[in-house]
Structures are given as structure tokens and as C-alpha cells.
């Protein structure tokens, strides 16, 4: 699951109370990038005083988190990408591009009603949308519609 929902209290609530349980109820295992890094490591870095030590600690932890997330995408059969925001989150866009390059099915969920497209012919950034659709995926506007969009995973899973 790729998306920016972990950065806000409301997003975390929706993600943990609604979205992850819903996808799990469909019979899929969710690889949650927000849970792949030991939260104690993050809290330790956050508690450091501002300065070079904290910056270096973040650099080290950022590399670890990025590598862990890359490995999760490599293990996954597909990616559900949350596309909310006035523009698709840059980390989510990177995850979409990487997943596409690795041949993964990508399904986008955009429950946000604000306009976010490059032009009238797209839902979100045209390159992000291209990767999603070219992967065999689609973009849904209701999380309840993820089920039919993810069915292709059942047919292609080892």
C-alpha cells in the first residue's frame, strides 16, 4: 500500500481503521510501509536536538526505510496507491514508477474530490496515470471499488 496517509492524524485514522482492514477483508495481505520500520528508531531520531547529529541520523534511517520499502514492493504482487492531495504525493509517485518498472499491477484510489490532473483527459498526473493503467490497473474513487480492480491479482499470483 503506497500513499501519504501516515503523515496526518486524520489520514492515519482512515488508513488504519478503514482502508487496511477493508483490503485485508478482501483476502489480501497488506504490506504496510508505515509499519515496516521500527517506530522506536523513528522516535529516537525525532528526540535528538536539532543539528548535525540529527541530520546524519535521519540520513541513515531514511536510507534504511527506502531500502525496506523497495524490498516490500519487490515482494508484493501489486500496489494499491492512494492518490489523494492536490497533486499525487512524490513518494507515492516514486513507488508507482518503481512498481511499474518491476511489472506489478497498480491500482489507484483517489477519494479526494479536488482537481489534480494535468488536463481534462486525466484524473491525476498524466505519467502516474499512464503507469497505473499500463500496469493493467485502474483508478477508483471509492475504496469499496478496490475489490473488482484487484481481482486480476488472484489470477496472476503464484
N, C-alpha and C. Protein backbone atom coordinates (compact mmCIF):
# COMPACT_ATOMS: atom_id res chain seq x y z
N UNK A 1 0.86 -1.16 0.00
CA UNK A 1 0.00 0.00 0.00
C UNK A 1 0.90 1.22 0.00
N UNK A 2 0.75 2.07 -0.98
CA UNK A 2 1.56 3.27 -1.10
C UNK A 2 0.68 4.50 -0.93
N UNK A 3 1.14 5.47 -0.18
CA UNK A 3 0.35 6.69 -0.05
C UNK A 3 0.82 7.55 1.09
N UNK A 4 0.32 8.77 1.14
CA UNK A 4 0.76 9.75 2.13
C UNK A 4 -0.09 9.80 3.40
N UNK A 5 -1.00 8.85 3.59
CA UNK A 5 -1.96 8.97 4.69
C UNK A 5 -1.31 8.92 6.07
N UNK A 6 -0.13 8.37 6.20
CA UNK A 6 0.52 8.29 7.50
C UNK A 6 1.04 9.60 8.03
N UNK A 7 1.01 10.65 7.22
CA UNK A 7 1.57 11.93 7.64
C UNK A 7 0.60 12.81 8.42
N UNK A 8 -0.68 12.44 8.48
CA UNK A 8 -1.64 13.26 9.23
C UNK A 8 -2.48 12.37 10.14
N UNK A 9 -2.97 12.96 11.21
CA UNK A 9 -3.79 12.20 12.16
C UNK A 9 -5.05 11.65 11.48
N UNK A 10 -5.73 12.48 10.70
CA UNK A 10 -6.95 12.03 10.01
C UNK A 10 -6.61 10.94 8.99
N UNK A 11 -5.51 11.12 8.27
CA UNK A 11 -5.08 10.12 7.30
C UNK A 11 -4.75 8.80 7.95
N UNK A 12 -4.02 8.84 9.08
CA UNK A 12 -3.68 7.61 9.80
C UNK A 12 -4.93 6.89 10.27
N UNK A 13 -5.91 7.64 10.76
CA UNK A 13 -7.15 7.02 11.22
C UNK A 13 -7.85 6.29 10.06
N UNK A 14 -8.04 6.97 8.94
CA UNK A 14 -8.69 6.35 7.80
C UNK A 14 -7.90 5.14 7.31
N UNK A 15 -6.58 5.29 7.24
CA UNK A 15 -5.72 4.22 6.75
C UNK A 15 -5.83 2.98 7.62
N UNK A 16 -5.68 3.16 8.95
CA UNK A 16 -5.66 2.01 9.85
C UNK A 16 -7.05 1.48 10.21
N UNK A 17 -8.05 2.36 10.30
CA UNK A 17 -9.38 1.93 10.73
C UNK A 17 -10.28 1.50 9.58
N UNK A 18 -10.00 1.99 8.36
CA UNK A 18 -10.88 1.72 7.23
C UNK A 18 -10.16 1.00 6.09
N UNK A 19 -9.15 1.64 5.53
CA UNK A 19 -8.57 1.16 4.28
C UNK A 19 -7.84 -0.18 4.43
N UNK A 20 -6.91 -0.29 5.37
CA UNK A 20 -6.17 -1.54 5.54
C UNK A 20 -7.12 -2.68 5.93
N UNK A 21 -8.02 -2.48 6.89
CA UNK A 21 -8.95 -3.58 7.21
C UNK A 21 -9.83 -3.98 6.01
N UNK A 22 -10.22 -3.00 5.19
CA UNK A 22 -11.05 -3.32 4.03
C UNK A 22 -10.28 -4.20 3.05
N UNK A 23 -9.06 -3.81 2.70
CA UNK A 23 -8.26 -4.60 1.75
C UNK A 23 -7.95 -5.98 2.33
N UNK A 24 -7.68 -6.04 3.62
CA UNK A 24 -7.44 -7.33 4.29
C UNK A 24 -8.70 -8.20 4.22
N UNK A 25 -9.86 -7.59 4.39
CA UNK A 25 -11.12 -8.36 4.34
C UNK A 25 -11.39 -8.95 2.96
N UNK A 26 -10.75 -8.39 1.94
CA UNK A 26 -10.89 -8.93 0.58
C UNK A 26 -10.00 -10.16 0.38
N UNK A 27 -9.18 -10.47 1.39
CA UNK A 27 -8.31 -11.64 1.32
C UNK A 27 -6.89 -11.35 0.91
N UNK A 28 -6.49 -10.08 0.95
CA UNK A 28 -5.13 -9.70 0.57
C UNK A 28 -4.32 -9.39 1.81
N UNK A 29 -3.03 -9.72 1.77
CA UNK A 29 -2.11 -9.32 2.82
C UNK A 29 -1.58 -7.94 2.45
N UNK A 30 -1.66 -7.02 3.38
CA UNK A 30 -1.19 -5.66 3.13
C UNK A 30 0.22 -5.52 3.67
N UNK A 31 1.16 -5.18 2.79
CA UNK A 31 2.50 -4.80 3.22
C UNK A 31 2.44 -3.31 3.48
N UNK A 32 2.48 -2.95 4.74
CA UNK A 32 2.27 -1.58 5.19
C UNK A 32 3.61 -0.88 5.37
N UNK A 33 3.99 0.02 4.46
CA UNK A 33 5.28 0.68 4.60
C UNK A 33 5.40 1.47 5.89
N UNK A 34 4.27 1.90 6.46
CA UNK A 34 4.32 2.66 7.71
C UNK A 34 4.69 1.77 8.89
N UNK A 35 4.52 0.45 8.75
CA UNK A 35 4.82 -0.46 9.85
C UNK A 35 6.11 -1.24 9.64
N UNK A 36 6.79 -1.04 8.52
CA UNK A 36 7.97 -1.83 8.21
C UNK A 36 9.23 -1.36 8.96
N UNK A 37 9.23 -0.14 9.42
CA UNK A 37 10.36 0.40 10.17
C UNK A 37 9.98 0.44 11.64
N UNK A 38 10.86 -0.01 12.49
CA UNK A 38 10.64 0.00 13.93
C UNK A 38 10.37 1.44 14.38
N UNK A 39 9.19 1.69 14.93
CA UNK A 39 8.81 3.05 15.33
C UNK A 39 9.75 3.60 16.39
N UNK A 40 10.40 2.74 17.17
CA UNK A 40 11.34 3.22 18.18
C UNK A 40 12.55 3.90 17.54
N UNK A 41 12.96 3.41 16.36
CA UNK A 41 14.08 4.05 15.65
C UNK A 41 13.70 5.47 15.23
N UNK A 42 12.47 5.61 14.72
CA UNK A 42 11.99 6.94 14.29
C UNK A 42 11.89 7.87 15.49
N UNK A 43 11.31 7.37 16.59
CA UNK A 43 11.16 8.20 17.79
C UNK A 43 12.50 8.63 18.35
N UNK A 44 13.50 7.75 18.29
CA UNK A 44 14.84 8.09 18.77
C UNK A 44 15.42 9.25 17.98
N UNK A 45 15.27 9.19 16.65
CA UNK A 45 15.80 10.27 15.81
C UNK A 45 15.02 11.56 16.05
N UNK A 46 13.71 11.45 16.18
CA UNK A 46 12.89 12.64 16.40
C UNK A 46 13.25 13.36 17.70
N UNK A 47 13.68 12.60 18.69
CA UNK A 47 14.02 13.20 20.01
C UNK A 47 15.39 13.89 20.03
N UNK A 48 16.21 13.64 19.03
CA UNK A 48 17.53 14.28 19.00
C UNK A 48 17.38 15.79 18.85
N UNK A 49 18.28 16.55 19.44
CA UNK A 49 18.22 18.01 19.25
C UNK A 49 18.59 18.37 17.82
N UNK A 50 18.02 19.46 17.35
CA UNK A 50 18.31 19.94 16.01
C UNK A 50 19.81 20.12 15.84
N UNK A 51 20.31 19.66 14.69
CA UNK A 51 21.73 19.85 14.42
C UNK A 51 22.30 18.72 13.58
N UNK A 52 23.61 18.70 13.42
CA UNK A 52 24.26 17.75 12.52
C UNK A 52 24.03 16.28 12.90
N UNK A 53 24.00 15.99 14.19
CA UNK A 53 23.78 14.60 14.62
C UNK A 53 22.39 14.11 14.19
N UNK A 54 21.41 14.97 14.35
CA UNK A 54 20.05 14.60 13.97
C UNK A 54 19.95 14.43 12.44
N UNK A 55 20.54 15.36 11.70
CA UNK A 55 20.52 15.24 10.23
C UNK A 55 21.16 13.94 9.77
N UNK A 56 22.30 13.60 10.36
CA UNK A 56 23.00 12.36 9.98
C UNK A 56 22.18 11.13 10.37
N UNK A 57 21.53 11.18 11.51
CA UNK A 57 20.68 10.07 11.95
C UNK A 57 19.51 9.89 10.98
N UNK A 58 18.91 11.01 10.55
CA UNK A 58 17.83 10.92 9.56
C UNK A 58 18.34 10.36 8.24
N UNK A 59 19.51 10.80 7.80
CA UNK A 59 20.06 10.29 6.53
C UNK A 59 20.22 8.78 6.58
N UNK A 60 20.74 8.28 7.68
CA UNK A 60 20.94 6.84 7.84
C UNK A 60 19.59 6.10 7.89
N UNK A 61 18.65 6.63 8.68
CA UNK A 61 17.34 5.98 8.79
C UNK A 61 16.55 6.08 7.49
N UNK A 62 16.65 7.22 6.79
CA UNK A 62 15.97 7.38 5.50
C UNK A 62 16.42 6.30 4.52
N UNK A 63 17.71 6.05 4.48
CA UNK A 63 18.23 5.01 3.57
C UNK A 63 17.68 3.64 3.95
N UNK A 64 17.66 3.35 5.23
CA UNK A 64 17.10 2.07 5.70
C UNK A 64 15.62 1.95 5.33
N UNK A 65 14.85 3.03 5.56
CA UNK A 65 13.42 2.98 5.25
C UNK A 65 13.19 2.83 3.76
N UNK A 66 13.96 3.55 2.94
CA UNK A 66 13.82 3.43 1.49
C UNK A 66 14.13 2.03 1.00
N UNK A 67 15.19 1.42 1.52
CA UNK A 67 15.55 0.06 1.11
C UNK A 67 14.49 -0.94 1.55
N UNK A 68 13.95 -0.74 2.75
CA UNK A 68 12.90 -1.63 3.25
C UNK A 68 11.65 -1.53 2.38
N UNK A 69 11.31 -0.31 2.00
CA UNK A 69 10.13 -0.12 1.16
C UNK A 69 10.35 -0.72 -0.23
N UNK A 70 11.54 -0.53 -0.79
CA UNK A 70 11.85 -1.13 -2.09
C UNK A 70 11.69 -2.65 -2.01
N UNK A 71 12.21 -3.27 -0.95
CA UNK A 71 12.10 -4.73 -0.79
C UNK A 71 10.63 -5.15 -0.66
N UNK A 72 9.81 -4.34 -0.01
CA UNK A 72 8.38 -4.66 0.12
C UNK A 72 7.70 -4.62 -1.25
N UNK A 73 8.02 -3.63 -2.06
CA UNK A 73 7.45 -3.55 -3.41
C UNK A 73 7.92 -4.75 -4.23
N UNK A 74 9.17 -5.13 -4.09
CA UNK A 74 9.68 -6.30 -4.81
C UNK A 74 8.92 -7.57 -4.41
N UNK A 75 8.58 -7.72 -3.12
CA UNK A 75 7.85 -8.90 -2.63
C UNK A 75 6.38 -8.90 -3.03
N UNK A 76 5.82 -7.71 -3.20
CA UNK A 76 4.38 -7.58 -3.44
C UNK A 76 3.99 -8.07 -4.82
N UNK A 77 2.75 -8.52 -4.93
CA UNK A 77 2.20 -8.90 -6.23
C UNK A 77 1.58 -7.71 -6.93
N UNK A 78 1.21 -6.70 -6.15
CA UNK A 78 0.60 -5.50 -6.70
C UNK A 78 0.68 -4.37 -5.69
N UNK A 79 0.30 -3.18 -6.12
CA UNK A 79 0.35 -2.00 -5.28
C UNK A 79 -0.98 -1.27 -5.34
N UNK A 80 -1.51 -0.94 -4.17
CA UNK A 80 -2.64 -0.02 -4.08
C UNK A 80 -2.02 1.33 -3.74
N UNK A 81 -2.24 2.32 -4.59
CA UNK A 81 -1.64 3.64 -4.42
C UNK A 81 -2.73 4.65 -4.10
N UNK A 82 -2.58 5.33 -2.96
CA UNK A 82 -3.51 6.38 -2.58
C UNK A 82 -3.06 7.66 -3.28
N UNK A 83 -3.97 8.22 -4.07
CA UNK A 83 -3.63 9.34 -4.95
C UNK A 83 -4.22 10.67 -4.47
N UNK A 84 -4.65 10.73 -3.21
CA UNK A 84 -5.27 11.94 -2.70
C UNK A 84 -4.26 13.08 -2.58
N UNK A 85 -4.79 14.29 -2.59
CA UNK A 85 -3.98 15.50 -2.48
C UNK A 85 -4.17 16.35 -3.73
N UNK A 86 -3.71 17.60 -3.66
CA UNK A 86 -3.83 18.45 -4.84
C UNK A 86 -2.92 17.96 -5.95
N UNK A 87 -1.90 17.22 -5.58
CA UNK A 87 -1.04 16.53 -6.53
C UNK A 87 -0.66 15.21 -5.87
N UNK A 88 -0.40 14.18 -6.64
CA UNK A 88 -0.01 12.90 -6.07
C UNK A 88 1.27 13.09 -5.28
N UNK A 89 1.31 12.56 -4.06
CA UNK A 89 2.48 12.63 -3.20
C UNK A 89 3.71 12.13 -3.96
N UNK A 90 4.82 12.83 -3.82
CA UNK A 90 6.02 12.49 -4.59
C UNK A 90 6.55 11.10 -4.25
N UNK A 91 6.49 10.69 -2.98
CA UNK A 91 6.93 9.35 -2.62
C UNK A 91 6.03 8.29 -3.23
N UNK A 92 4.73 8.55 -3.24
CA UNK A 92 3.78 7.62 -3.85
C UNK A 92 4.04 7.52 -5.35
N UNK A 93 4.30 8.65 -5.99
CA UNK A 93 4.61 8.64 -7.43
C UNK A 93 5.87 7.81 -7.70
N UNK A 94 6.88 7.95 -6.83
CA UNK A 94 8.10 7.16 -7.00
C UNK A 94 7.80 5.67 -6.84
N UNK A 95 6.98 5.33 -5.85
CA UNK A 95 6.62 3.92 -5.63
C UNK A 95 5.85 3.37 -6.83
N UNK A 96 4.98 4.18 -7.41
CA UNK A 96 4.23 3.76 -8.60
C UNK A 96 5.19 3.49 -9.75
N UNK A 97 6.12 4.40 -9.99
CA UNK A 97 7.09 4.21 -11.06
C UNK A 97 7.94 2.97 -10.85
N UNK A 98 8.40 2.76 -9.63
CA UNK A 98 9.22 1.58 -9.34
C UNK A 98 8.40 0.29 -9.51
N UNK A 99 7.18 0.30 -8.99
CA UNK A 99 6.32 -0.89 -9.12
C UNK A 99 6.05 -1.19 -10.59
N UNK A 100 5.81 -0.16 -11.38
CA UNK A 100 5.58 -0.37 -12.81
C UNK A 100 6.82 -0.99 -13.47
N UNK A 101 7.99 -0.46 -13.15
CA UNK A 101 9.24 -0.99 -13.72
C UNK A 101 9.47 -2.44 -13.32
N UNK A 102 8.93 -2.84 -12.17
CA UNK A 102 9.08 -4.21 -11.69
C UNK A 102 7.93 -5.12 -12.16
N UNK A 103 7.03 -4.57 -12.99
CA UNK A 103 5.96 -5.38 -13.57
C UNK A 103 4.80 -5.67 -12.64
N UNK A 104 4.57 -4.81 -11.67
CA UNK A 104 3.48 -5.01 -10.70
C UNK A 104 2.19 -4.38 -11.18
N UNK A 105 1.06 -5.00 -10.83
CA UNK A 105 -0.24 -4.37 -11.04
C UNK A 105 -0.36 -3.22 -10.06
N UNK A 106 -0.84 -2.07 -10.53
CA UNK A 106 -1.02 -0.91 -9.67
C UNK A 106 -2.47 -0.46 -9.79
N UNK A 107 -3.12 -0.33 -8.65
CA UNK A 107 -4.49 0.17 -8.61
C UNK A 107 -4.47 1.46 -7.81
N UNK A 108 -5.01 2.51 -8.38
CA UNK A 108 -5.05 3.80 -7.71
C UNK A 108 -6.38 4.01 -7.02
N UNK A 109 -6.33 4.63 -5.85
CA UNK A 109 -7.55 5.03 -5.14
C UNK A 109 -7.44 6.54 -4.91
N UNK A 110 -8.43 7.26 -5.44
CA UNK A 110 -8.48 8.70 -5.24
C UNK A 110 -9.86 9.07 -4.73
N UNK A 111 -9.97 9.23 -3.41
CA UNK A 111 -11.22 9.63 -2.80
C UNK A 111 -11.34 11.13 -2.66
N UNK A 112 -10.32 11.84 -3.06
CA UNK A 112 -10.23 13.30 -2.97
C UNK A 112 -10.99 13.91 -4.14
N UNK A 113 -11.89 14.84 -3.88
CA UNK A 113 -12.72 15.42 -4.94
C UNK A 113 -12.06 16.63 -5.63
N UNK A 114 -10.93 17.09 -5.10
CA UNK A 114 -10.26 18.23 -5.72
C UNK A 114 -9.66 17.84 -7.06
N UNK A 115 -9.56 18.81 -7.97
CA UNK A 115 -8.94 18.56 -9.27
C UNK A 115 -7.43 18.39 -9.07
N UNK A 116 -6.87 17.42 -9.81
CA UNK A 116 -5.45 17.13 -9.64
C UNK A 116 -4.77 16.74 -10.94
N UNK A 117 -5.47 16.85 -12.04
CA UNK A 117 -4.96 16.34 -13.31
C UNK A 117 -4.18 17.40 -14.07
N UNK A 118 -3.39 16.91 -15.03
CA UNK A 118 -2.65 17.81 -15.90
C UNK A 118 -3.55 18.48 -16.93
N UNK A 119 -4.65 17.81 -17.26
CA UNK A 119 -5.60 18.33 -18.24
C UNK A 119 -6.93 17.60 -18.09
N UNK A 120 -7.89 17.95 -18.91
CA UNK A 120 -9.23 17.38 -18.80
C UNK A 120 -9.29 15.89 -19.12
N UNK A 121 -8.24 15.34 -19.71
CA UNK A 121 -8.24 13.94 -20.10
C UNK A 121 -7.68 12.98 -19.07
N UNK A 122 -7.27 13.51 -17.90
CA UNK A 122 -6.70 12.61 -16.90
C UNK A 122 -7.28 12.88 -15.52
N UNK A 123 -7.09 11.93 -14.63
CA UNK A 123 -7.58 12.03 -13.26
C UNK A 123 -6.52 12.64 -12.35
N UNK A 124 -5.27 12.23 -12.58
CA UNK A 124 -4.12 12.72 -11.82
C UNK A 124 -3.00 13.03 -12.80
N UNK A 125 -1.81 13.25 -12.30
CA UNK A 125 -0.65 13.48 -13.16
C UNK A 125 -0.63 12.46 -14.29
N UNK A 126 -0.44 12.91 -15.52
CA UNK A 126 -0.58 12.01 -16.68
C UNK A 126 0.41 10.86 -16.65
N UNK A 127 1.63 11.06 -16.17
CA UNK A 127 2.61 9.97 -16.13
C UNK A 127 2.23 8.94 -15.07
N UNK A 128 1.78 9.40 -13.91
CA UNK A 128 1.33 8.49 -12.85
C UNK A 128 0.16 7.66 -13.37
N UNK A 129 -0.80 8.33 -14.00
CA UNK A 129 -1.96 7.62 -14.53
C UNK A 129 -1.56 6.63 -15.62
N UNK A 130 -0.61 7.01 -16.47
CA UNK A 130 -0.12 6.11 -17.51
C UNK A 130 0.43 4.83 -16.90
N UNK A 131 1.30 4.95 -15.88
CA UNK A 131 1.89 3.77 -15.26
C UNK A 131 0.80 2.88 -14.64
N UNK A 132 -0.16 3.48 -13.99
CA UNK A 132 -1.24 2.70 -13.37
C UNK A 132 -2.01 1.93 -14.43
N UNK A 133 -2.46 2.62 -15.46
CA UNK A 133 -3.28 1.96 -16.48
C UNK A 133 -2.47 0.96 -17.31
N UNK A 134 -1.23 1.29 -17.63
CA UNK A 134 -0.38 0.36 -18.40
C UNK A 134 -0.04 -0.90 -17.61
N UNK A 135 -0.10 -0.82 -16.29
CA UNK A 135 0.18 -1.99 -15.46
C UNK A 135 -0.99 -2.98 -15.49
N UNK A 136 -2.10 -2.55 -16.07
CA UNK A 136 -3.33 -3.35 -16.05
C UNK A 136 -4.29 -2.89 -14.98
N UNK A 137 -3.91 -1.85 -14.27
CA UNK A 137 -4.72 -1.34 -13.17
C UNK A 137 -5.68 -0.25 -13.60
N UNK A 138 -6.34 0.30 -12.63
CA UNK A 138 -7.31 1.35 -12.86
C UNK A 138 -7.26 2.32 -11.68
N UNK A 139 -8.05 3.36 -11.74
CA UNK A 139 -8.18 4.31 -10.65
C UNK A 139 -9.63 4.32 -10.21
N UNK A 140 -9.87 4.10 -8.91
CA UNK A 140 -11.22 4.11 -8.38
C UNK A 140 -11.39 5.32 -7.47
N UNK A 141 -12.63 5.78 -7.33
CA UNK A 141 -12.88 6.95 -6.49
C UNK A 141 -13.55 6.57 -5.16
N UNK A 142 -13.87 5.30 -5.01
CA UNK A 142 -14.43 4.79 -3.75
C UNK A 142 -13.60 3.59 -3.33
N UNK A 143 -13.15 3.57 -2.09
CA UNK A 143 -12.32 2.44 -1.66
C UNK A 143 -13.08 1.12 -1.77
N UNK A 144 -14.41 1.19 -1.67
CA UNK A 144 -15.22 -0.04 -1.78
C UNK A 144 -15.10 -0.67 -3.17
N UNK A 145 -14.63 0.09 -4.15
CA UNK A 145 -14.48 -0.43 -5.51
C UNK A 145 -13.11 -1.05 -5.77
N UNK A 146 -12.27 -1.13 -4.75
CA UNK A 146 -10.96 -1.74 -4.94
C UNK A 146 -11.05 -3.23 -5.25
N UNK A 147 -12.04 -3.90 -4.68
CA UNK A 147 -12.16 -5.36 -4.86
C UNK A 147 -12.13 -5.80 -6.31
N UNK A 148 -13.04 -5.30 -7.15
CA UNK A 148 -13.02 -5.71 -8.56
C UNK A 148 -11.72 -5.35 -9.27
N UNK A 149 -11.12 -4.23 -8.88
CA UNK A 149 -9.88 -3.80 -9.53
C UNK A 149 -8.69 -4.69 -9.14
N UNK A 150 -8.77 -5.32 -7.98
CA UNK A 150 -7.68 -6.18 -7.52
C UNK A 150 -7.84 -7.64 -7.92
N UNK A 151 -8.97 -8.00 -8.47
CA UNK A 151 -9.21 -9.41 -8.84
C UNK A 151 -8.15 -9.98 -9.76
N UNK A 152 -7.57 -9.14 -10.62
CA UNK A 152 -6.53 -9.59 -11.54
C UNK A 152 -5.35 -10.21 -10.78
N UNK A 153 -5.12 -9.74 -9.54
CA UNK A 153 -4.03 -10.30 -8.73
C UNK A 153 -4.26 -11.77 -8.43
N UNK A 154 -5.50 -12.15 -8.21
CA UNK A 154 -5.82 -13.55 -7.91
C UNK A 154 -5.43 -14.45 -9.09
N UNK A 155 -5.67 -13.96 -10.29
CA UNK A 155 -5.39 -14.77 -11.48
C UNK A 155 -3.90 -14.86 -11.77
N UNK A 156 -3.12 -13.89 -11.33
CA UNK A 156 -1.70 -13.86 -11.69
C UNK A 156 -0.79 -14.24 -10.54
N UNK A 157 -1.33 -14.37 -9.31
CA UNK A 157 -0.48 -14.68 -8.16
C UNK A 157 0.06 -16.11 -8.28
N UNK A 158 1.32 -16.30 -7.87
CA UNK A 158 1.91 -17.64 -7.92
C UNK A 158 1.25 -18.60 -6.94
